[in-house]
PDB file of all heavy atoms in Angstrom:
ATOM      1  N   ALA A   1      -9.546  17.186  -8.406  1.00  0.00           N
ATOM      2  CA  ALA A   1      -8.421  16.547  -9.108  1.00  0.00           C
ATOM      3  C   ALA A   1      -8.337  15.059  -8.749  1.00  0.00           C
ATOM      4  O   ALA A   1      -8.080  14.209  -9.607  1.00  0.00           O
ATOM      5  CB  ALA A   1      -7.125  17.260  -8.748  1.00  0.00           C
ATOM      6  N   LYS A   2      -8.565  14.768  -7.457  1.00  0.00           N
ATOM      7  CA  LYS A   2      -8.494  13.378  -6.988  1.00  0.00           C
ATOM      8  C   LYS A   2      -9.601  12.527  -7.622  1.00  0.00           C
ATOM      9  O   LYS A   2      -9.376  11.370  -7.989  1.00  0.00           O
ATOM     10  CB  LYS A   2      -8.628  13.356  -5.464  1.00  0.00           C
ATOM     11  CG  LYS A   2      -7.987  12.148  -4.824  1.00  0.00           C
ATOM     12  CD  LYS A   2      -7.894  12.320  -3.322  1.00  0.00           C
ATOM     13  CE  LYS A   2      -6.763  13.249  -2.949  1.00  0.00           C
ATOM     14  NZ  LYS A   2      -6.792  13.632  -1.542  1.00  0.00           N
ATOM     15  N   ARG A   3     -10.802  13.134  -7.738  1.00  0.00           N
ATOM     16  CA  ARG A   3     -11.920  12.416  -8.364  1.00  0.00           C
ATOM     17  C   ARG A   3     -11.581  12.014  -9.794  1.00  0.00           C
ATOM     18  O   ARG A   3     -11.888  10.912 -10.240  1.00  0.00           O
ATOM     19  CB  ARG A   3     -13.185  13.279  -8.348  1.00  0.00           C
ATOM     20  CG  ARG A   3     -13.995  13.144  -7.078  1.00  0.00           C
ATOM     21  CD  ARG A   3     -15.454  13.537  -7.279  1.00  0.00           C
ATOM     22  NE  ARG A   3     -15.588  14.886  -7.783  1.00  0.00           N
ATOM     23  CZ  ARG A   3     -15.617  15.985  -7.032  1.00  0.00           C
ATOM     24  NH1 ARG A   3     -15.499  15.875  -5.718  1.00  0.00           N
ATOM     25  NH2 ARG A   3     -15.758  17.179  -7.565  1.00  0.00           N
ATOM     26  N   LYS A   4     -10.926  12.940 -10.520  1.00  0.00           N
ATOM     27  CA  LYS A   4     -10.517  12.643 -11.902  1.00  0.00           C
ATOM     28  C   LYS A   4      -9.556  11.454 -11.933  1.00  0.00           C
ATOM     29  O   LYS A   4      -9.696  10.550 -12.756  1.00  0.00           O
ATOM     30  CB  LYS A   4      -9.836  13.873 -12.519  1.00  0.00           C
ATOM     31  CG  LYS A   4     -10.805  14.915 -13.037  1.00  0.00           C
ATOM     32  CD  LYS A   4     -10.062  16.025 -13.749  1.00  0.00           C
ATOM     33  CE  LYS A   4     -11.031  17.083 -14.272  1.00  0.00           C
ATOM     34  NZ  LYS A   4     -10.295  18.213 -14.913  1.00  0.00           N
ATOM     35  N   VAL A   5      -8.584  11.462 -11.003  1.00  0.00           N
ATOM     36  CA  VAL A   5      -7.601  10.369 -10.931  1.00  0.00           C
ATOM     37  C   VAL A   5      -8.310   9.045 -10.642  1.00  0.00           C
ATOM     38  O   VAL A   5      -8.035   8.018 -11.281  1.00  0.00           O
ATOM     39  CB  VAL A   5      -6.540  10.665  -9.839  1.00  0.00           C
ATOM     40  CG1 VAL A   5      -5.653   9.457  -9.587  1.00  0.00           C
ATOM     41  CG2 VAL A   5      -5.680  11.864 -10.233  1.00  0.00           C
ATOM     42  N   ILE A   6      -9.245   9.076  -9.680  1.00  0.00           N
ATOM     43  CA  ILE A   6      -9.973   7.860  -9.282  1.00  0.00           C
ATOM     44  C   ILE A   6     -10.789   7.318 -10.447  1.00  0.00           C
ATOM     45  O   ILE A   6     -10.801   6.110 -10.714  1.00  0.00           O
ATOM     46  CB  ILE A   6     -10.857   8.163  -8.049  1.00  0.00           C
ATOM     47  CG1 ILE A   6      -9.978   8.302  -6.794  1.00  0.00           C
ATOM     48  CG2 ILE A   6     -11.895   7.069  -7.837  1.00  0.00           C
ATOM     49  CD1 ILE A   6     -10.690   8.863  -5.587  1.00  0.00           C
ATOM     50  N   PHE A   7     -11.485   8.209 -11.187  1.00  0.00           N
ATOM     51  CA  PHE A   7     -12.297   7.777 -12.332  1.00  0.00           C
ATOM     52  C   PHE A   7     -11.418   7.153 -13.419  1.00  0.00           C
ATOM     53  O   PHE A   7     -11.775   6.124 -13.995  1.00  0.00           O
ATOM     54  CB  PHE A   7     -13.087   8.954 -12.919  1.00  0.00           C
ATOM     55  CG  PHE A   7     -14.357   9.250 -12.165  1.00  0.00           C
ATOM     56  CD1 PHE A   7     -14.621  10.520 -11.672  1.00  0.00           C
ATOM     57  CD2 PHE A   7     -15.300   8.257 -11.941  1.00  0.00           C
ATOM     58  CE1 PHE A   7     -15.780  10.789 -10.960  1.00  0.00           C
ATOM     59  CE2 PHE A   7     -16.470   8.517 -11.238  1.00  0.00           C
ATOM     60  CZ  PHE A   7     -16.712   9.786 -10.743  1.00  0.00           C
ATOM     61  N   LYS A   8     -10.262   7.784 -13.676  1.00  0.00           N
ATOM     62  CA  LYS A   8      -9.351   7.248 -14.696  1.00  0.00           C
ATOM     63  C   LYS A   8      -8.834   5.866 -14.296  1.00  0.00           C
ATOM     64  O   LYS A   8      -8.738   4.953 -15.123  1.00  0.00           O
ATOM     65  CB  LYS A   8      -8.174   8.206 -14.902  1.00  0.00           C
ATOM     66  CG  LYS A   8      -8.508   9.374 -15.815  1.00  0.00           C
ATOM     67  CD  LYS A   8      -7.314  10.248 -16.079  1.00  0.00           C
ATOM     68  CE  LYS A   8      -7.676  11.423 -16.999  1.00  0.00           C
ATOM     69  NZ  LYS A   8      -6.537  12.345 -17.164  1.00  0.00           N
ATOM     70  N   ARG A   9      -8.503   5.730 -13.004  1.00  0.00           N
ATOM     71  CA  ARG A   9      -8.026   4.430 -12.521  1.00  0.00           C
ATOM     72  C   ARG A   9      -9.109   3.366 -12.659  1.00  0.00           C
ATOM     73  O   ARG A   9      -8.848   2.244 -13.096  1.00  0.00           O
ATOM     74  CB  ARG A   9      -7.624   4.543 -11.048  1.00  0.00           C
ATOM     75  CG  ARG A   9      -6.272   5.168 -10.848  1.00  0.00           C
ATOM     76  CD  ARG A   9      -5.867   5.021  -9.406  1.00  0.00           C
ATOM     77  NE  ARG A   9      -4.577   5.634  -9.152  1.00  0.00           N
ATOM     78  CZ  ARG A   9      -3.902   5.513  -8.029  1.00  0.00           C
ATOM     79  NH1 ARG A   9      -4.399   4.780  -7.050  1.00  0.00           N
ATOM     80  NH2 ARG A   9      -2.749   6.093  -7.857  1.00  0.00           N
ATOM     81  N   ALA A  10     -10.326   3.730 -12.263  1.00  0.00           N
ATOM     82  CA  ALA A  10     -11.446   2.779 -12.352  1.00  0.00           C
ATOM     83  C   ALA A  10     -11.651   2.334 -13.794  1.00  0.00           C
ATOM     84  O   ALA A  10     -11.869   1.142 -14.066  1.00  0.00           O
ATOM     85  CB  ALA A  10     -12.719   3.416 -11.804  1.00  0.00           C
ATOM     86  N   GLU A  11     -11.564   3.282 -14.746  1.00  0.00           N
ATOM     87  CA  GLU A  11     -11.710   2.944 -16.170  1.00  0.00           C
ATOM     88  C   GLU A  11     -10.613   1.978 -16.618  1.00  0.00           C
ATOM     89  O   GLU A  11     -10.882   1.002 -17.320  1.00  0.00           O
ATOM     90  CB  GLU A  11     -11.637   4.219 -17.018  1.00  0.00           C
ATOM     91  CG  GLU A  11     -12.939   5.004 -17.046  1.00  0.00           C
ATOM     92  CD  GLU A  11     -12.820   6.295 -17.854  1.00  0.00           C
ATOM     93  OE1 GLU A  11     -11.747   6.551 -18.440  1.00  0.00           O
ATOM     94  OE2 GLU A  11     -13.808   7.041 -17.903  1.00  0.00           O
ATOM     95  N   SER A  12      -9.373   2.263 -16.180  1.00  0.00           N
ATOM     96  CA  SER A  12      -8.254   1.389 -16.587  1.00  0.00           C
ATOM     97  C   SER A  12      -8.419  -0.012 -15.998  1.00  0.00           C
ATOM     98  O   SER A  12      -8.097  -1.012 -16.652  1.00  0.00           O
ATOM     99  CB  SER A  12      -6.917   1.994 -16.143  1.00  0.00           C
ATOM    100  OG  SER A  12      -6.791   1.961 -14.737  1.00  0.00           O
ATOM    101  N   TYR A  13      -8.963  -0.099 -14.755  1.00  0.00           N
ATOM    102  CA  TYR A  13      -9.188  -1.407 -14.140  1.00  0.00           C
ATOM    103  C   TYR A  13     -10.246  -2.198 -14.921  1.00  0.00           C
ATOM    104  O   TYR A  13     -10.088  -3.396 -15.157  1.00  0.00           O
ATOM    105  CB  TYR A  13      -9.638  -1.258 -12.686  1.00  0.00           C
ATOM    106  CG  TYR A  13      -8.589  -0.678 -11.761  1.00  0.00           C
ATOM    107  CD1 TYR A  13      -8.945   0.057 -10.627  1.00  0.00           C
ATOM    108  CD2 TYR A  13      -7.233  -0.860 -12.010  1.00  0.00           C
ATOM    109  CE1 TYR A  13      -7.988   0.595  -9.780  1.00  0.00           C
ATOM    110  CE2 TYR A  13      -6.269  -0.324 -11.167  1.00  0.00           C
ATOM    111  CZ  TYR A  13      -6.654   0.401 -10.055  1.00  0.00           C
ATOM    112  OH  TYR A  13      -5.701   0.930  -9.220  1.00  0.00           O
ATOM    113  N   VAL A  14     -11.318  -1.504 -15.320  1.00  0.00           N
ATOM    114  CA  VAL A  14     -12.387  -2.171 -16.079  1.00  0.00           C
ATOM    115  C   VAL A  14     -11.826  -2.726 -17.388  1.00  0.00           C
ATOM    116  O   VAL A  14     -12.107  -3.874 -17.762  1.00  0.00           O
ATOM    117  CB  VAL A  14     -13.555  -1.191 -16.349  1.00  0.00           C
ATOM    118  CG1 VAL A  14     -14.535  -1.778 -17.354  1.00  0.00           C
ATOM    119  CG2 VAL A  14     -14.294  -0.873 -15.057  1.00  0.00           C
ATOM    120  N   LYS A  15     -11.008  -1.913 -18.066  1.00  0.00           N
ATOM    121  CA  LYS A  15     -10.387  -2.370 -19.322  1.00  0.00           C
ATOM    122  C   LYS A  15      -9.505  -3.590 -19.074  1.00  0.00           C
ATOM    123  O   LYS A  15      -9.499  -4.549 -19.854  1.00  0.00           O
ATOM    124  CB  LYS A  15      -9.547  -1.237 -19.930  1.00  0.00           C
ATOM    125  CG  LYS A  15     -10.380  -0.167 -20.624  1.00  0.00           C
ATOM    126  CD  LYS A  15      -9.506   0.951 -21.140  1.00  0.00           C
ATOM    127  CE  LYS A  15     -10.346   2.089 -21.720  1.00  0.00           C
ATOM    128  NZ  LYS A  15      -9.515   3.263 -22.054  1.00  0.00           N
ATOM    129  N   GLU A  16      -8.746  -3.540 -17.981  1.00  0.00           N
ATOM    130  CA  GLU A  16      -7.844  -4.649 -17.638  1.00  0.00           C
ATOM    131  C   GLU A  16      -8.638  -5.930 -17.387  1.00  0.00           C
ATOM    132  O   GLU A  16      -8.284  -7.007 -17.891  1.00  0.00           O
ATOM    133  CB  GLU A  16      -7.051  -4.267 -16.383  1.00  0.00           C
ATOM    134  CG  GLU A  16      -5.993  -5.272 -15.992  1.00  0.00           C
ATOM    135  CD  GLU A  16      -5.333  -4.944 -14.664  1.00  0.00           C
ATOM    136  OE1 GLU A  16      -5.126  -3.742 -14.374  1.00  0.00           O
ATOM    137  OE2 GLU A  16      -5.035  -5.883 -13.909  1.00  0.00           O
ATOM    138  N   TYR A  17      -9.743  -5.821 -16.605  1.00  0.00           N
ATOM    139  CA  TYR A  17     -10.572  -6.997 -16.301  1.00  0.00           C
ATOM    140  C   TYR A  17     -11.186  -7.582 -17.575  1.00  0.00           C
ATOM    141  O   TYR A  17     -11.207  -8.797 -17.768  1.00  0.00           O
ATOM    142  CB  TYR A  17     -11.688  -6.635 -15.317  1.00  0.00           C
ATOM    143  CG  TYR A  17     -11.221  -6.110 -13.976  1.00  0.00           C
ATOM    144  CD1 TYR A  17     -11.926  -5.087 -13.322  1.00  0.00           C
ATOM    145  CD2 TYR A  17     -10.083  -6.605 -13.348  1.00  0.00           C
ATOM    146  CE1 TYR A  17     -11.511  -4.594 -12.091  1.00  0.00           C
ATOM    147  CE2 TYR A  17      -9.655  -6.115 -12.128  1.00  0.00           C
ATOM    148  CZ  TYR A  17     -10.375  -5.104 -11.501  1.00  0.00           C
ATOM    149  OH  TYR A  17      -9.962  -4.610 -10.286  1.00  0.00           O
ATOM    150  N   LEU A  18     -11.693  -6.692 -18.458  1.00  0.00           N
ATOM    151  CA  LEU A  18     -12.322  -7.150 -19.703  1.00  0.00           C
ATOM    152  C   LEU A  18     -11.304  -7.826 -20.613  1.00  0.00           C
ATOM    153  O   LEU A  18     -11.594  -8.863 -21.221  1.00  0.00           O
ATOM    154  CB  LEU A  18     -12.980  -5.970 -20.433  1.00  0.00           C
ATOM    155  CG  LEU A  18     -14.288  -5.444 -19.839  1.00  0.00           C
ATOM    156  CD1 LEU A  18     -14.719  -4.165 -20.536  1.00  0.00           C
ATOM    157  CD2 LEU A  18     -15.398  -6.482 -19.939  1.00  0.00           C
ATOM    158  N   ALA A  19     -10.090  -7.232 -20.691  1.00  0.00           N
ATOM    159  CA  ALA A  19      -9.039  -7.814 -21.537  1.00  0.00           C
ATOM    160  C   ALA A  19      -8.663  -9.206 -21.037  1.00  0.00           C
ATOM    161  O   ALA A  19      -8.479 -10.140 -21.846  1.00  0.00           O
ATOM    162  CB  ALA A  19      -7.816  -6.900 -21.526  1.00  0.00           C
ATOM    163  N   LYS A  20      -8.587  -9.349 -19.709  1.00  0.00           N
ATOM    164  CA  LYS A  20      -8.241 -10.645 -19.117  1.00  0.00           C
ATOM    165  C   LYS A  20      -9.319 -11.696 -19.433  1.00  0.00           C
ATOM    166  O   LYS A  20      -9.018 -12.842 -19.785  1.00  0.00           O
ATOM    167  CB  LYS A  20      -8.095 -10.481 -17.601  1.00  0.00           C
ATOM    168  CG  LYS A  20      -7.517 -11.694 -16.895  1.00  0.00           C
ATOM    169  CD  LYS A  20      -7.446 -11.477 -15.404  1.00  0.00           C
ATOM    170  CE  LYS A  20      -7.002 -12.744 -14.693  1.00  0.00           C
ATOM    171  NZ  LYS A  20      -7.060 -12.617 -13.227  1.00  0.00           N
ATOM    172  N   GLU A  21     -10.587 -11.262 -19.319  1.00  0.00           N
ATOM    173  CA  GLU A  21     -11.719 -12.163 -19.581  1.00  0.00           C
ATOM    174  C   GLU A  21     -11.724 -12.609 -21.043  1.00  0.00           C
ATOM    175  O   GLU A  21     -11.898 -13.805 -21.350  1.00  0.00           O
ATOM    176  CB  GLU A  21     -13.023 -11.411 -19.257  1.00  0.00           C
ATOM    177  CG  GLU A  21     -14.178 -12.323 -18.908  1.00  0.00           C
ATOM    178  CD  GLU A  21     -15.399 -11.536 -18.467  1.00  0.00           C
ATOM    179  OE1 GLU A  21     -15.271 -10.640 -17.611  1.00  0.00           O
ATOM    180  OE2 GLU A  21     -16.482 -11.803 -19.015  1.00  0.00           O
ATOM    181  N   LYS A  22     -11.519 -11.633 -21.956  1.00  0.00           N
ATOM    182  CA  LYS A  22     -11.512 -11.950 -23.391  1.00  0.00           C
ATOM    183  C   LYS A  22     -10.353 -12.882 -23.738  1.00  0.00           C
ATOM    184  O   LYS A  22     -10.495 -13.787 -24.553  1.00  0.00           O
ATOM    185  CB  LYS A  22     -11.402 -10.658 -24.206  1.00  0.00           C
ATOM    186  CG  LYS A  22     -12.705  -9.879 -24.285  1.00  0.00           C
ATOM    187  CD  LYS A  22     -12.518  -8.589 -25.062  1.00  0.00           C
ATOM    188  CE  LYS A  22     -13.817  -7.786 -25.105  1.00  0.00           C
ATOM    189  NZ  LYS A  22     -13.604  -6.463 -25.761  1.00  0.00           N
ATOM    190  N   ASP A  23      -9.209 -12.641 -23.110  1.00  0.00           N
ATOM    191  CA  ASP A  23      -8.022 -13.459 -23.363  1.00  0.00           C
ATOM    192  C   ASP A  23      -8.275 -14.907 -22.946  1.00  0.00           C
ATOM    193  O   ASP A  23      -7.874 -15.846 -23.655  1.00  0.00           O
ATOM    194  CB  ASP A  23      -6.840 -12.877 -22.586  1.00  0.00           C
ATOM    195  CG  ASP A  23      -5.505 -13.308 -23.173  1.00  0.00           C
ATOM    196  OD1 ASP A  23      -5.400 -13.347 -24.419  1.00  0.00           O
ATOM    197  OD2 ASP A  23      -4.580 -13.612 -22.393  1.00  0.00           O
ATOM    198  N   GLU A  24      -8.953 -15.066 -21.811  1.00  0.00           N
ATOM    199  CA  GLU A  24      -9.257 -16.422 -21.330  1.00  0.00           C
ATOM    200  C   GLU A  24     -10.212 -17.139 -22.280  1.00  0.00           C
ATOM    201  O   GLU A  24     -10.036 -18.327 -22.577  1.00  0.00           O
ATOM    202  CB  GLU A  24      -9.874 -16.332 -19.923  1.00  0.00           C
ATOM    203  CG  GLU A  24      -9.695 -17.609 -19.137  1.00  0.00           C
ATOM    204  CD  GLU A  24      -9.749 -17.395 -17.632  1.00  0.00           C
ATOM    205  OE1 GLU A  24      -9.014 -16.544 -17.111  1.00  0.00           O
ATOM    206  OE2 GLU A  24     -10.555 -18.088 -17.007  1.00  0.00           O
ATOM    207  N   ILE A  25     -11.225 -16.404 -22.756  1.00  0.00           N
ATOM    208  CA  ILE A  25     -12.185 -16.987 -23.710  1.00  0.00           C
ATOM    209  C   ILE A  25     -11.465 -17.403 -24.995  1.00  0.00           C
ATOM    210  O   ILE A  25     -11.698 -18.486 -25.540  1.00  0.00           O
ATOM    211  CB  ILE A  25     -13.320 -15.977 -24.012  1.00  0.00           C
ATOM    212  CG1 ILE A  25     -14.212 -15.806 -22.776  1.00  0.00           C
ATOM    213  CG2 ILE A  25     -14.174 -16.438 -25.191  1.00  0.00           C
ATOM    214  CD1 ILE A  25     -15.139 -14.613 -22.833  1.00  0.00           C
ATOM    215  N   ARG A  26     -10.551 -16.526 -25.463  1.00  0.00           N
ATOM    216  CA  ARG A  26      -9.796 -16.814 -26.691  1.00  0.00           C
ATOM    217  C   ARG A  26      -8.950 -18.076 -26.530  1.00  0.00           C
ATOM    218  O   ARG A  26      -8.924 -18.938 -27.424  1.00  0.00           O
ATOM    219  CB  ARG A  26      -8.899 -15.612 -27.013  1.00  0.00           C
ATOM    220  CG  ARG A  26      -8.082 -15.760 -28.298  1.00  0.00           C
ATOM    221  CD  ARG A  26      -7.180 -14.558 -28.500  1.00  0.00           C
ATOM    222  NE  ARG A  26      -6.236 -14.374 -27.421  1.00  0.00           N
ATOM    223  CZ  ARG A  26      -5.129 -15.096 -27.253  1.00  0.00           C
ATOM    224  NH1 ARG A  26      -4.827 -16.081 -28.091  1.00  0.00           N
ATOM    225  NH2 ARG A  26      -4.312 -14.856 -26.239  1.00  0.00           N
ATOM    226  N   LEU A  27      -8.277 -18.196 -25.389  1.00  0.00           N
ATOM    227  CA  LEU A  27      -7.432 -19.370 -25.145  1.00  0.00           C
ATOM    228  C   LEU A  27      -8.260 -20.656 -25.064  1.00  0.00           C
ATOM    229  O   LEU A  27      -7.843 -21.704 -25.564  1.00  0.00           O
ATOM    230  CB  LEU A  27      -6.629 -19.173 -23.848  1.00  0.00           C
ATOM    231  CG  LEU A  27      -5.511 -18.131 -23.909  1.00  0.00           C
ATOM    232  CD1 LEU A  27      -5.000 -17.817 -22.513  1.00  0.00           C
ATOM    233  CD2 LEU A  27      -4.364 -18.599 -24.786  1.00  0.00           C
ATOM    234  N   LYS A  28      -9.452 -20.560 -24.441  1.00  0.00           N
ATOM    235  CA  LYS A  28     -10.341 -21.736 -24.350  1.00  0.00           C
ATOM    236  C   LYS A  28     -10.777 -22.193 -25.738  1.00  0.00           C
ATOM    237  O   LYS A  28     -10.781 -23.383 -26.054  1.00  0.00           O
ATOM    238  CB  LYS A  28     -11.572 -21.392 -23.505  1.00  0.00           C
ATOM    239  CG  LYS A  28     -11.341 -21.470 -22.007  1.00  0.00           C
ATOM    240  CD  LYS A  28     -12.609 -21.120 -21.263  1.00  0.00           C
ATOM    241  CE  LYS A  28     -12.371 -21.095 -19.755  1.00  0.00           C
ATOM    242  NZ  LYS A  28     -13.559 -20.648 -19.014  1.00  0.00           N
ATOM    243  N   ARG A  29     -11.148 -21.210 -26.579  1.00  0.00           N
ATOM    244  CA  ARG A  29     -11.606 -21.535 -27.944  1.00  0.00           C
ATOM    245  C   ARG A  29     -10.476 -22.137 -28.775  1.00  0.00           C
ATOM    246  O   ARG A  29     -10.682 -23.090 -29.529  1.00  0.00           O
ATOM    247  CB  ARG A  29     -12.139 -20.269 -28.620  1.00  0.00           C
ATOM    248  CG  ARG A  29     -13.515 -19.869 -28.109  1.00  0.00           C
ATOM    249  CD  ARG A  29     -13.963 -18.563 -28.703  1.00  0.00           C
ATOM    250  NE  ARG A  29     -15.291 -18.184 -28.225  1.00  0.00           N
ATOM    251  CZ  ARG A  29     -15.825 -16.985 -28.396  1.00  0.00           C
ATOM    252  NH1 ARG A  29     -15.149 -16.028 -29.012  1.00  0.00           N
ATOM    253  NH2 ARG A  29     -17.043 -16.722 -27.940  1.00  0.00           N
ATOM    254  N   ALA A  30      -9.275 -21.551 -28.620  1.00  0.00           N
ATOM    255  CA  ALA A  30      -8.113 -22.058 -29.376  1.00  0.00           C
ATOM    256  C   ALA A  30      -7.788 -23.495 -28.968  1.00  0.00           C
ATOM    257  O   ALA A  30      -7.494 -24.344 -29.825  1.00  0.00           O
ATOM    258  CB  ALA A  30      -6.907 -21.146 -29.127  1.00  0.00           C
ATOM    259  N   ALA A  31      -7.879 -23.767 -27.661  1.00  0.00           N
ATOM    260  CA  ALA A  31      -7.603 -25.118 -27.162  1.00  0.00           C
ATOM    261  C   ALA A  31      -8.642 -26.111 -27.682  1.00  0.00           C
ATOM    262  O   ALA A  31      -8.303 -27.220 -28.114  1.00  0.00           O
ATOM    263  CB  ALA A  31      -7.583 -25.112 -25.635  1.00  0.00           C
ATOM    264  N   ARG A  32      -9.918 -25.666 -27.677  1.00  0.00           N
ATOM    265  CA  ARG A  32     -10.999 -26.549 -28.149  1.00  0.00           C
ATOM    266  C   ARG A  32     -10.841 -26.838 -29.645  1.00  0.00           C
ATOM    267  O   ARG A  32     -11.064 -27.955 -30.112  1.00  0.00           O
ATOM    268  CB  ARG A  32     -12.356 -25.892 -27.873  1.00  0.00           C
ATOM    269  CG  ARG A  32     -13.506 -26.896 -27.848  1.00  0.00           C
ATOM    270  CD  ARG A  32     -14.859 -26.253 -27.610  1.00  0.00           C
ATOM    271  NE  ARG A  32     -14.887 -25.498 -26.377  1.00  0.00           N
ATOM    272  CZ  ARG A  32     -15.277 -24.219 -26.287  1.00  0.00           C
ATOM    273  NH1 ARG A  32     -15.619 -23.548 -27.369  1.00  0.00           N
ATOM    274  NH2 ARG A  32     -15.306 -23.602 -25.137  1.00  0.00           N
ATOM    275  N   ALA A  33     -10.448 -25.799 -30.398  1.00  0.00           N
ATOM    276  CA  ALA A  33     -10.295 -25.953 -31.851  1.00  0.00           C
ATOM    277  C   ALA A  33      -9.165 -26.923 -32.197  1.00  0.00           C
ATOM    278  O   ALA A  33      -9.264 -27.678 -33.174  1.00  0.00           O
ATOM    279  CB  ALA A  33     -10.037 -24.588 -32.487  1.00  0.00           C
TER     280      ALA A  33
END
């Protein structure tokens, strides 16, 4: 059960990191435009 919780958390962290990275790229492009 704990392994399932850990895997789900790891997945949510990866999504969070990717969303943050994409958001930063979007803001940079908007500023440049």
